[in-house]
Amino acid sequence: MKLQPLNDRVLVKRLETEEKTAGGLYIPDTAKEKPCKGQVIATGPGKVLENGTRVELAVKKGDQVLFNKYAGTEVKLDGIDHLVMREEDILAILTD
């Protein structure tokens, strides 16, 4: 299934967190927090301003991003959880 976000919305796939602590302990699934990092899978064309012009998004497909803990709406595509969120819910783009 394909999904194309509209306007200033972004489709993000959460990146998995480490299952082991620095001390070597394994964290069970029930104790894990949802990761706040993800990869942009698709973007909309941009936000339309009141004067009718469109502003392009700052993020693009493939970017790794940091977002609010409770941001977006969860959707399941081909059995994988994704988030659809507004660009303003993205806090930062992660770089190497």
PDB file of N, CA and C in Angstrom:
ATOM      1  N   MET A   1       0.847  -1.179   0.000  1.00  0.00           N
ATOM      2  CA  MET A   1       0.000   0.000   0.000  1.00  0.00           C
ATOM      3  C   MET A   1       0.892   1.242   0.000  1.00  0.00           C
ATOM      4  N   LYS A   2       0.499   2.237  -0.759  1.00  0.00           N
ATOM      5  CA  LYS A   2       1.247   3.494  -0.806  1.00  0.00           C
ATOM      6  C   LYS A   2       0.421   4.586  -0.145  1.00  0.00           C
ATOM      7  N   LEU A   3       1.116   5.545   0.441  1.00  0.00           N
ATOM      8  CA  LEU A   3       0.459   6.665   1.103  1.00  0.00           C
ATOM      9  C   LEU A   3       1.210   7.936   0.738  1.00  0.00           C
ATOM     10  N   GLN A   4       0.507   8.934   0.229  1.00  0.00           N
ATOM     11  CA  GLN A   4       1.112  10.220  -0.120  1.00  0.00           C
ATOM     12  C   GLN A   4       0.542  11.288   0.804  1.00  0.00           C
ATOM     13  N   PRO A   5       1.347  11.839   1.718  1.00  0.00           N
ATOM     14  CA  PRO A   5       0.869  12.882   2.628  1.00  0.00           C
ATOM     15  C   PRO A   5       0.453  14.138   1.862  1.00  0.00           C
ATOM     16  N   LEU A   6      -0.474  14.874   2.419  1.00  0.00           N
ATOM     17  CA  LEU A   6      -0.959  16.114   1.831  1.00  0.00           C
ATOM     18  C   LEU A   6      -0.353  17.318   2.536  1.00  0.00           C
ATOM     19  N   ASN A   7      -0.259  18.425   1.805  1.00  0.00           N
ATOM     20  CA  ASN A   7       0.203  19.717   2.321  1.00  0.00           C
ATOM     21  C   ASN A   7       1.493  19.600   3.119  1.00  0.00           C
ATOM     22  N   ASP A   8       1.485  20.010   4.404  1.00  0.00           N
ATOM     23  CA  ASP A   8       2.721  20.027   5.201  1.00  0.00           C
ATOM     24  C   ASP A   8       2.860  18.792   6.081  1.00  0.00           C
ATOM     25  N   ARG A   9       2.264  17.691   5.669  1.00  0.00           N
ATOM     26  CA  ARG A   9       2.348  16.458   6.458  1.00  0.00           C
ATOM     27  C   ARG A   9       3.490  15.579   5.952  1.00  0.00           C
ATOM     28  N   VAL A  10       4.001  14.744   6.871  1.00  0.00           N
ATOM     29  CA  VAL A  10       5.163  13.905   6.605  1.00  0.00           C
ATOM     30  C   VAL A  10       4.869  12.497   7.104  1.00  0.00           C
ATOM     31  N   LEU A  11       5.256  11.472   6.337  1.00  0.00           N
ATOM     32  CA  LEU A  11       5.138  10.078   6.763  1.00  0.00           C
ATOM     33  C   LEU A  11       6.487   9.652   7.324  1.00  0.00           C
ATOM     34  N   VAL A  12       6.495   9.205   8.586  1.00  0.00           N
ATOM     35  CA  VAL A  12       7.738   8.862   9.289  1.00  0.00           C
ATOM     36  C   VAL A  12       7.653   7.432   9.810  1.00  0.00           C
ATOM     37  N   LYS A  13       8.732   6.674   9.617  1.00  0.00           N
ATOM     38  CA  LYS A  13       8.856   5.330  10.186  1.00  0.00           C
ATOM     39  C   LYS A  13       9.762   5.444  11.401  1.00  0.00           C
ATOM     40  N   ARG A  14       9.274   4.987  12.543  1.00  0.00           N
ATOM     41  CA  ARG A  14      10.077   5.041  13.772  1.00  0.00           C
ATOM     42  C   ARG A  14      11.325   4.169  13.635  1.00  0.00           C
ATOM     43  N   LEU A  15      12.444   4.649  14.174  1.00  0.00           N
ATOM     44  CA  LEU A  15      13.681   3.868  14.225  1.00  0.00           C
ATOM     45  C   LEU A  15      13.723   3.142  15.557  1.00  0.00           C
ATOM     46  N   GLU A  16      14.096   1.894  15.517  1.00  0.00           N
ATOM     47  CA  GLU A  16      14.139   1.080  16.729  1.00  0.00           C
ATOM     48  C   GLU A  16      15.267   1.537  17.657  1.00  0.00           C
ATOM     49  N   THR A  17      15.018   1.425  18.945  1.00  0.00           N
ATOM     50  CA  THR A  17      16.026   1.785  19.945  1.00  0.00           C
ATOM     51  C   THR A  17      16.812   0.548  20.359  1.00  0.00           C
ATOM     52  N   GLU A  18      17.892   0.771  21.032  1.00  0.00           N
ATOM     53  CA  GLU A  18      18.712  -0.329  21.527  1.00  0.00           C
ATOM     54  C   GLU A  18      17.932  -1.156  22.540  1.00  0.00           C
ATOM     55  N   GLU A  19      18.113  -2.460  22.488  1.00  0.00           N
ATOM     56  CA  GLU A  19      17.432  -3.352  23.430  1.00  0.00           C
ATOM     57  C   GLU A  19      18.283  -3.645  24.660  1.00  0.00           C
ATOM     58  N   LYS A  20      19.510  -3.129  24.667  1.00  0.00           N
ATOM     59  CA  LYS A  20      20.418  -3.405  25.771  1.00  0.00           C
ATOM     60  C   LYS A  20      20.920  -2.083  26.337  1.00  0.00           C
ATOM     61  N   THR A  21      21.026  -1.987  27.659  1.00  0.00           N
ATOM     62  CA  THR A  21      21.544  -0.787  28.303  1.00  0.00           C
ATOM     63  C   THR A  21      23.068  -0.767  28.214  1.00  0.00           C
ATOM     64  N   ALA A  22      23.668   0.338  28.614  1.00  0.00           N
ATOM     65  CA  ALA A  22      25.127   0.462  28.597  1.00  0.00           C
ATOM     66  C   ALA A  22      25.772  -0.569  29.521  1.00  0.00           C
ATOM     67  N   GLY A  23      25.059  -0.967  30.562  1.00  0.00           N
ATOM     68  CA  GLY A  23      25.582  -1.952  31.503  1.00  0.00           C
ATOM     69  C   GLY A  23      25.392  -3.383  31.060  1.00  0.00           C
ATOM     70  N   GLY A  24      24.744  -3.597  29.910  1.00  0.00           N
ATOM     71  CA  GLY A  24      24.579  -4.941  29.379  1.00  0.00           C
ATOM     72  C   GLY A  24      23.245  -5.594  29.703  1.00  0.00           C
ATOM     73  N   LEU A  25      22.331  -4.873  30.361  1.00  0.00           N
ATOM     74  CA  LEU A  25      21.024  -5.439  30.683  1.00  0.00           C
ATOM     75  C   LEU A  25      20.086  -5.302  29.491  1.00  0.00           C
ATOM     76  N   TYR A  26      19.255  -6.325  29.267  1.00  0.00           N
ATOM     77  CA  TYR A  26      18.281  -6.271  28.184  1.00  0.00           C
ATOM     78  C   TYR A  26      16.982  -5.673  28.696  1.00  0.00           C
ATOM     79  N   ILE A  27      16.394  -4.800  27.893  1.00  0.00           N
ATOM     80  CA  ILE A  27      15.150  -4.120  28.268  1.00  0.00           C
ATOM     81  C   ILE A  27      13.986  -4.877  27.643  1.00  0.00           C
ATOM     82  N   PRO A  28      13.003  -5.325  28.451  1.00  0.00           N
ATOM     83  CA  PRO A  28      11.847  -6.027  27.873  1.00  0.00           C
ATOM     84  C   PRO A  28      10.963  -5.060  27.085  1.00  0.00           C
ATOM     85  N   ASP A  29      10.192  -5.607  26.137  1.00  0.00           N
ATOM     86  CA  ASP A  29       9.327  -4.781  25.288  1.00  0.00           C
ATOM     87  C   ASP A  29       8.339  -3.959  26.096  1.00  0.00           C
ATOM     88  N   THR A  30       7.859  -4.490  27.217  1.00  0.00           N
ATOM     89  CA  THR A  30       6.861  -3.775  28.016  1.00  0.00           C
ATOM     90  C   THR A  30       7.442  -2.556  28.714  1.00  0.00           C
ATOM     91  N   ALA A  31       8.757  -2.512  28.913  1.00  0.00           N
ATOM     92  CA  ALA A  31       9.390  -1.387  29.616  1.00  0.00           C
ATOM     93  C   ALA A  31       9.964  -0.343  28.666  1.00  0.00           C
ATOM     94  N   LYS A  32       9.964  -0.630  27.372  1.00  0.00           N
ATOM     95  CA  LYS A  32      10.544   0.300  26.413  1.00  0.00           C
ATOM     96  C   LYS A  32       9.622   1.479  26.169  1.00  0.00           C
ATOM     97  N   GLU A  33      10.229   2.631  25.962  1.00  0.00           N
ATOM     98  CA  GLU A  33       9.477   3.802  25.535  1.00  0.00           C
ATOM     99  C   GLU A  33       9.484   3.835  24.012  1.00  0.00           C
ATOM    100  N   LYS A  34       8.454   4.440  23.440  1.00  0.00           N
ATOM    101  CA  LYS A  34       8.424   4.568  21.990  1.00  0.00           C
ATOM    102  C   LYS A  34       9.537   5.510  21.565  1.00  0.00           C
ATOM    103  N   PRO A  35      10.275   5.135  20.528  1.00  0.00           N
ATOM    104  CA  PRO A  35      11.369   6.007  20.092  1.00  0.00           C
ATOM    105  C   PRO A  35      10.856   7.319  19.520  1.00  0.00           C
ATOM    106  N   CYS A  36      11.635   8.364  19.698  1.00  0.00           N
ATOM    107  CA  CYS A  36      11.297   9.695  19.184  1.00  0.00           C
ATOM    108  C   CYS A  36      12.157  10.040  17.981  1.00  0.00           C
ATOM    109  N   LYS A  37      12.804   9.020  17.404  1.00  0.00           N
ATOM    110  CA  LYS A  37      13.596   9.205  16.195  1.00  0.00           C
ATOM    111  C   LYS A  37      12.942   8.405  15.085  1.00  0.00           C
ATOM    112  N   GLY A  38      13.032   8.937  13.876  1.00  0.00           N
ATOM    113  CA  GLY A  38      12.456   8.224  12.755  1.00  0.00           C
ATOM    114  C   GLY A  38      13.073   8.652  11.443  1.00  0.00           C
ATOM    115  N   GLN A  39      12.665   7.946  10.384  1.00  0.00           N
ATOM    116  CA  GLN A  39      13.134   8.256   9.047  1.00  0.00           C
ATOM    117  C   GLN A  39      11.948   8.703   8.205  1.00  0.00           C
ATOM    118  N   VAL A  40      12.133   9.786   7.468  1.00  0.00           N
ATOM    119  CA  VAL A  40      11.074  10.314   6.607  1.00  0.00           C
ATOM    120  C   VAL A  40      10.927   9.389   5.401  1.00  0.00           C
ATOM    121  N   ILE A  41       9.715   8.875   5.219  1.00  0.00           N
ATOM    122  CA  ILE A  41       9.413   7.964   4.115  1.00  0.00           C
ATOM    123  C   ILE A  41       8.812   8.725   2.937  1.00  0.00           C
ATOM    124  N   ALA A  42       7.951   9.712   3.228  1.00  0.00           N
ATOM    125  CA  ALA A  42       7.315  10.513   2.178  1.00  0.00           C
ATOM    126  C   ALA A  42       6.925  11.868   2.748  1.00  0.00           C
ATOM    127  N   THR A  43       6.845  12.875   1.878  1.00  0.00           N
ATOM    128  CA  THR A  43       6.434  14.213   2.300  1.00  0.00           C
ATOM    129  C   THR A  43       5.354  14.737   1.368  1.00  0.00           C
ATOM    130  N   GLY A  44       4.576  15.662   1.899  1.00  0.00           N
ATOM    131  CA  GLY A  44       3.606  16.361   1.077  1.00  0.00           C
ATOM    132  C   GLY A  44       4.293  17.463   0.291  1.00  0.00           C
ATOM    133  N   PRO A  45       3.539  18.169  -0.570  1.00  0.00           N
ATOM    134  CA  PRO A  45       4.145  19.216  -1.398  1.00  0.00           C
ATOM    135  C   PRO A  45       4.502  20.492  -0.651  1.00  0.00           C
ATOM    136  N   GLY A  46       3.965  20.697   0.545  1.00  0.00           N
ATOM    137  CA  GLY A  46       4.278  21.898   1.314  1.00  0.00           C
ATOM    138  C   GLY A  46       3.027  22.604   1.769  1.00  0.00           C
ATOM    139  N   LYS A  47       3.205  23.554   2.650  1.00  0.00           N
ATOM    140  CA  LYS A  47       2.086  24.298   3.238  1.00  0.00           C
ATOM    141  C   LYS A  47       1.642  25.419   2.299  1.00  0.00           C
ATOM    142  N   VAL A  48       0.328  25.592   2.177  1.00  0.00           N
ATOM    143  CA  VAL A  48      -0.221  26.676   1.371  1.00  0.00           C
ATOM    144  C   VAL A  48      -0.527  27.854   2.294  1.00  0.00           C
ATOM    145  N   LEU A  49       0.075  29.010   1.989  1.00  0.00           N
ATOM    146  CA  LEU A  49      -0.143  30.216   2.784  1.00  0.00           C
ATOM    147  C   LEU A  49      -1.458  30.880   2.389  1.00  0.00           C
ATOM    148  N   GLU A  50      -1.884  31.864   3.174  1.00  0.00           N
ATOM    149  CA  GLU A  50      -3.139  32.561   2.919  1.00  0.00           C
ATOM    150  C   GLU A  50      -3.172  33.248   1.561  1.00  0.00           C
ATOM    151  N   ASN A  51      -2.012  33.691   1.073  1.00  0.00           N
ATOM    152  CA  ASN A  51      -1.971  34.372  -0.224  1.00  0.00           C
ATOM    153  C   ASN A  51      -1.919  33.395  -1.408  1.00  0.00           C
ATOM    154  N   GLY A  52      -1.958  32.091  -1.116  1.00  0.00           N
ATOM    155  CA  GLY A  52      -2.005  31.083  -2.166  1.00  0.00           C
ATOM    156  C   GLY A  52      -0.664  30.502  -2.573  1.00  0.00           C
ATOM    157  N   THR A  53       0.434  31.025  -2.052  1.00  0.00           N
ATOM    158  CA  THR A  53       1.746  30.475  -2.392  1.00  0.00           C
ATOM    159  C   THR A  53       2.038  29.254  -1.532  1.00  0.00           C
ATOM    160  N   ARG A  54       2.847  28.372  -2.065  1.00  0.00           N
ATOM    161  CA  ARG A  54       3.186  27.142  -1.352  1.00  0.00           C
ATOM    162  C   ARG A  54       4.622  27.221  -0.845  1.00  0.00           C
ATOM    163  N   VAL A  55       4.828  26.873   0.421  1.00  0.00           N
ATOM    164  CA  VAL A  55       6.155  26.865   1.041  1.00  0.00           C
ATOM    165  C   VAL A  55       6.625  25.416   1.113  1.00  0.00           C
ATOM    166  N   GLU A  56       7.789  25.133   0.520  1.00  0.00           N
ATOM    167  CA  GLU A  56       8.329  23.777   0.538  1.00  0.00           C
ATOM    168  C   GLU A  56       8.730  23.363   1.950  1.00  0.00           C
ATOM    169  N   LEU A  57       8.725  22.056   2.189  1.00  0.00           N
ATOM    170  CA  LEU A  57       9.112  21.531   3.491  1.00  0.00           C
ATOM    171  C   LEU A  57      10.632  21.540   3.648  1.00  0.00           C
ATOM    172  N   ALA A  58      11.085  21.635   4.894  1.00  0.00           N
ATOM    173  CA  ALA A  58      12.519  21.624   5.183  1.00  0.00           C
ATOM    174  C   ALA A  58      13.068  20.203   5.195  1.00  0.00           C
ATOM    175  N   VAL A  59      12.209  19.217   5.416  1.00  0.00           N
ATOM    176  CA  VAL A  59      12.643  17.819   5.438  1.00  0.00           C
ATOM    177  C   VAL A  59      12.371  17.178   4.085  1.00  0.00           C
ATOM    178  N   LYS A  60      13.135  16.125   3.786  1.00  0.00           N
ATOM    179  CA  LYS A  60      12.938  15.405   2.530  1.00  0.00           C
ATOM    180  C   LYS A  60      13.008  13.905   2.800  1.00  0.00           C
ATOM    181  N   LYS A  61      12.603  13.127   1.830  1.00  0.00           N
ATOM    182  CA  LYS A  61      12.612  11.670   1.955  1.00  0.00           C
ATOM    183  C   LYS A  61      14.020  11.191   2.297  1.00  0.00           C
ATOM    184  N   GLY A  62      14.114  10.309   3.289  1.00  0.00           N
ATOM    185  CA  GLY A  62      15.402   9.752   3.699  1.00  0.00           C
ATOM    186  C   GLY A  62      16.028  10.431   4.905  1.00  0.00           C
ATOM    187  N   ASP A  63      15.574  11.638   5.267  1.00  0.00           N
ATOM    188  CA  ASP A  63      16.111  12.336   6.440  1.00  0.00           C
ATOM    189  C   ASP A  63      15.776  11.586   7.724  1.00  0.00           C
ATOM    190  N   GLN A  64      16.717  11.574   8.657  1.00  0.00           N
ATOM    191  CA  GLN A  64      16.433  11.057   9.994  1.00  0.00           C
ATOM    192  C   GLN A  64      16.074  12.246  10.865  1.00  0.00           C
ATOM    193  N   VAL A  65      14.948  12.135  11.584  1.00  0.00           N
ATOM    194  CA  VAL A  65      14.415  13.269  12.326  1.00  0.00           C
ATOM    195  C   VAL A  65      14.132  12.900  13.774  1.00  0.00           C
ATOM    196  N   LEU A  66      14.065  13.939  14.593  1.00  0.00           N
ATOM    197  CA  LEU A  66      13.699  13.838  15.996  1.00  0.00           C
ATOM    198  C   LEU A  66      12.359  14.541  16.129  1.00  0.00           C
ATOM    199  N   PHE A  67      11.385  13.900  16.806  1.00  0.00           N
ATOM    200  CA  PHE A  67      10.045  14.480  16.891  1.00  0.00           C
ATOM    201  C   PHE A  67       9.478  14.349  18.287  1.00  0.00           C
ATOM    202  N   ASN A  68       8.388  15.085  18.540  1.00  0.00           N
ATOM    203  CA  ASN A  68       7.711  15.045  19.835  1.00  0.00           C
ATOM    204  C   ASN A  68       7.250  13.631  20.163  1.00  0.00           C
ATOM    205  N   LYS A  69       7.245  13.298  21.426  1.00  0.00           N
ATOM    206  CA  LYS A  69       6.883  11.959  21.888  1.00  0.00           C
ATOM    207  C   LYS A  69       5.476  11.552  21.463  1.00  0.00           C
ATOM    208  N   TYR A  70       4.535  12.475  21.535  1.00  0.00           N
ATOM    209  CA  TYR A  70       3.141  12.152  21.220  1.00  0.00           C
ATOM    210  C   TYR A  70       2.701  12.755  19.895  1.00  0.00           C
ATOM    211  N   ALA A  71       3.635  12.995  18.998  1.00  0.00           N
ATOM    212  CA  ALA A  71       3.333  13.642  17.715  1.00  0.00           C
ATOM    213  C   ALA A  71       2.696  12.658  16.744  1.00  0.00           C
ATOM    214  N   GLY A  72       1.856  13.182  15.890  1.00  0.00           N
ATOM    215  CA  GLY A  72       1.354  12.432  14.752  1.00  0.00           C
ATOM    216  C   GLY A  72       0.248  11.444  15.043  1.00  0.00           C
ATOM    217  N   THR A  73      -0.203  10.833  13.962  1.00  0.00           N
ATOM    218  CA  THR A  73      -1.241   9.814  13.997  1.00  0.00           C
ATOM    219  C   THR A  73      -0.629   8.507  13.517  1.00  0.00           C
ATOM    220  N   GLU A  74      -0.811   7.449  14.295  1.00  0.00           N
ATOM    221  CA  GLU A  74      -0.227   6.167  13.928  1.00  0.00           C
ATOM    222  C   GLU A  74      -1.050   5.500  12.841  1.00  0.00           C
ATOM    223  N   VAL A  75      -0.358   4.977  11.828  1.00  0.00           N
ATOM    224  CA  VAL A  75      -0.975   4.202  10.760  1.00  0.00           C
ATOM    225  C   VAL A  75      -0.122   2.959  10.530  1.00  0.00           C
ATOM    226  N   LYS A  76      -0.759   1.879  10.072  1.00  0.00           N
ATOM    227  CA  LYS A  76      -0.039   0.645   9.805  1.00  0.00           C
ATOM    228  C   LYS A  76      -0.071   0.405   8.300  1.00  0.00           C
ATOM    229  N   LEU A  77       1.108   0.363   7.673  1.00  0.00           N
ATOM    230  CA  LEU A  77       1.239   0.113   6.239  1.00  0.00           C
ATOM    231  C   LEU A  77       2.028  -1.163   6.037  1.00  0.00           C
ATOM    232  N   ASP A  78       1.431  -2.136   5.385  1.00  0.00           N
ATOM    233  CA  ASP A  78       2.078  -3.422   5.121  1.00  0.00           C
ATOM    234  C   ASP A  78       2.623  -4.056   6.402  1.00  0.00           C
ATOM    235  N   GLY A  79       1.888  -3.903   7.511  1.00  0.00           N
ATOM    236  CA  GLY A  79       2.271  -4.505   8.784  1.00  0.00           C
ATOM    237  C   GLY A  79       3.323  -3.741   9.571  1.00  0.00           C
ATOM    238  N   ILE A  80       3.738  -2.584   9.090  1.00  0.00           N
ATOM    239  CA  ILE A  80       4.762  -1.776   9.773  1.00  0.00           C
ATOM    240  C   ILE A  80       4.121  -0.487  10.262  1.00  0.00           C
ATOM    241  N   ASP A  81       4.388  -0.132  11.531  1.00  0.00           N
ATOM    242  CA  ASP A  81       3.831   1.094  12.105  1.00  0.00           C
ATOM    243  C   ASP A  81       4.564   2.319  11.574  1.00  0.00           C
ATOM    244  N   HIS A  82       3.791   3.323  11.187  1.00  0.00           N
ATOM    245  CA  HIS A  82       4.306   4.607  10.717  1.00  0.00           C
ATOM    246  C   HIS A  82       3.549   5.719  11.434  1.00  0.00           C
ATOM    247  N   LEU A  83       4.038   6.929  11.302  1.00  0.00           N
ATOM    248  CA  LEU A  83       3.368   8.111  11.834  1.00  0.00           C
ATOM    249  C   LEU A  83       3.146   9.109  10.704  1.00  0.00           C
ATOM    250  N   VAL A  84       1.970   9.719  10.685  1.00  0.00           N
ATOM    251  CA  VAL A  84       1.711  10.845   9.797  1.00  0.00           C
ATOM    252  C   VAL A  84       1.634  12.063  10.707  1.00  0.00           C
ATOM    253  N   MET A  85       2.527  13.037  10.473  1.00  0.00           N
ATOM    254  CA  MET A  85       2.580  14.210  11.347  1.00  0.00           C
ATOM    255  C   MET A  85       2.811  15.470  10.531  1.00  0.00           C
ATOM    256  N   ARG A  86       2.521  16.593  11.133  1.00  0.00           N
ATOM    257  CA  ARG A  86       2.812  17.879  10.502  1.00  0.00           C
ATOM    258  C   ARG A  86       4.315  18.154  10.630  1.00  0.00           C
ATOM    259  N   GLU A  87       4.832  18.929   9.706  1.00  0.00           N
ATOM    260  CA  GLU A  87       6.252  19.268   9.753  1.00  0.00           C
ATOM    261  C   GLU A  87       6.595  20.011  11.044  1.00  0.00           C
ATOM    262  N   GLU A  88       5.665  20.791  11.578  1.00  0.00           N
ATOM    263  CA  GLU A  88       5.944  21.555  12.804  1.00  0.00           C
ATOM    264  C   GLU A  88       6.135  20.657  14.029  1.00  0.00           C
ATOM    265  N   ASP A  89       5.722  19.370  13.960  1.00  0.00           N
ATOM    266  CA  ASP A  89       5.948  18.421  15.053  1.00  0.00           C
ATOM    267  C   ASP A  89       7.362  17.868  15.040  1.00  0.00           C
ATOM    268  N   ILE A  90       8.083  18.081  13.957  1.00  0.00           N
ATOM    269  CA  ILE A  90       9.471  17.616  13.859  1.00  0.00           C
ATOM    270  C   ILE A  90      10.365  18.664  14.515  1.00  0.00           C
ATOM    271  N   LEU A  91      11.189  18.201  15.455  1.00  0.00           N
ATOM    272  CA  LEU A  91      12.049  19.103  16.223  1.00  0.00           C
ATOM    273  C   LEU A  91      13.381  19.367  15.546  1.00  0.00           C
ATOM    274  N   ALA A  92      13.952  18.344  14.888  1.00  0.00           N
ATOM    275  CA  ALA A  92      15.287  18.501  14.305  1.00  0.00           C
ATOM    276  C   ALA A  92      15.530  17.427  13.256  1.00  0.00           C
ATOM    277  N   ILE A  93      16.468  17.733  12.358  1.00  0.00           N
ATOM    278  CA  ILE A  93      16.968  16.747  11.399  1.00  0.00           C
ATOM    279  C   ILE A  93      18.311  16.261  11.936  1.00  0.00           C
ATOM    280  N   LEU A  94      18.471  14.954  12.048  1.00  0.00           N
ATOM    281  CA  LEU A  94      19.715  14.380  12.571  1.00  0.00           C
ATOM    282  C   LEU A  94      20.720  14.217  11.436  1.00  0.00           C
ATOM    283  N   THR A  95      21.960  14.639  11.676  1.00  0.00           N
ATOM    284  CA  THR A  95      23.019  14.503  10.688  1.00  0.00           C
ATOM    285  C   THR A  95      24.170  13.734  11.311  1.00  0.00           C
ATOM    286  N   ASP A  96      25.011  13.170  10.471  1.00  0.00           N
ATOM    287  CA  ASP A  96      26.164  12.397  10.958  1.00  0.00           C
ATOM    288  C   ASP A  96      27.276  13.271  11.436  1.00  0.00           C
TER     289      ASP A  96
END
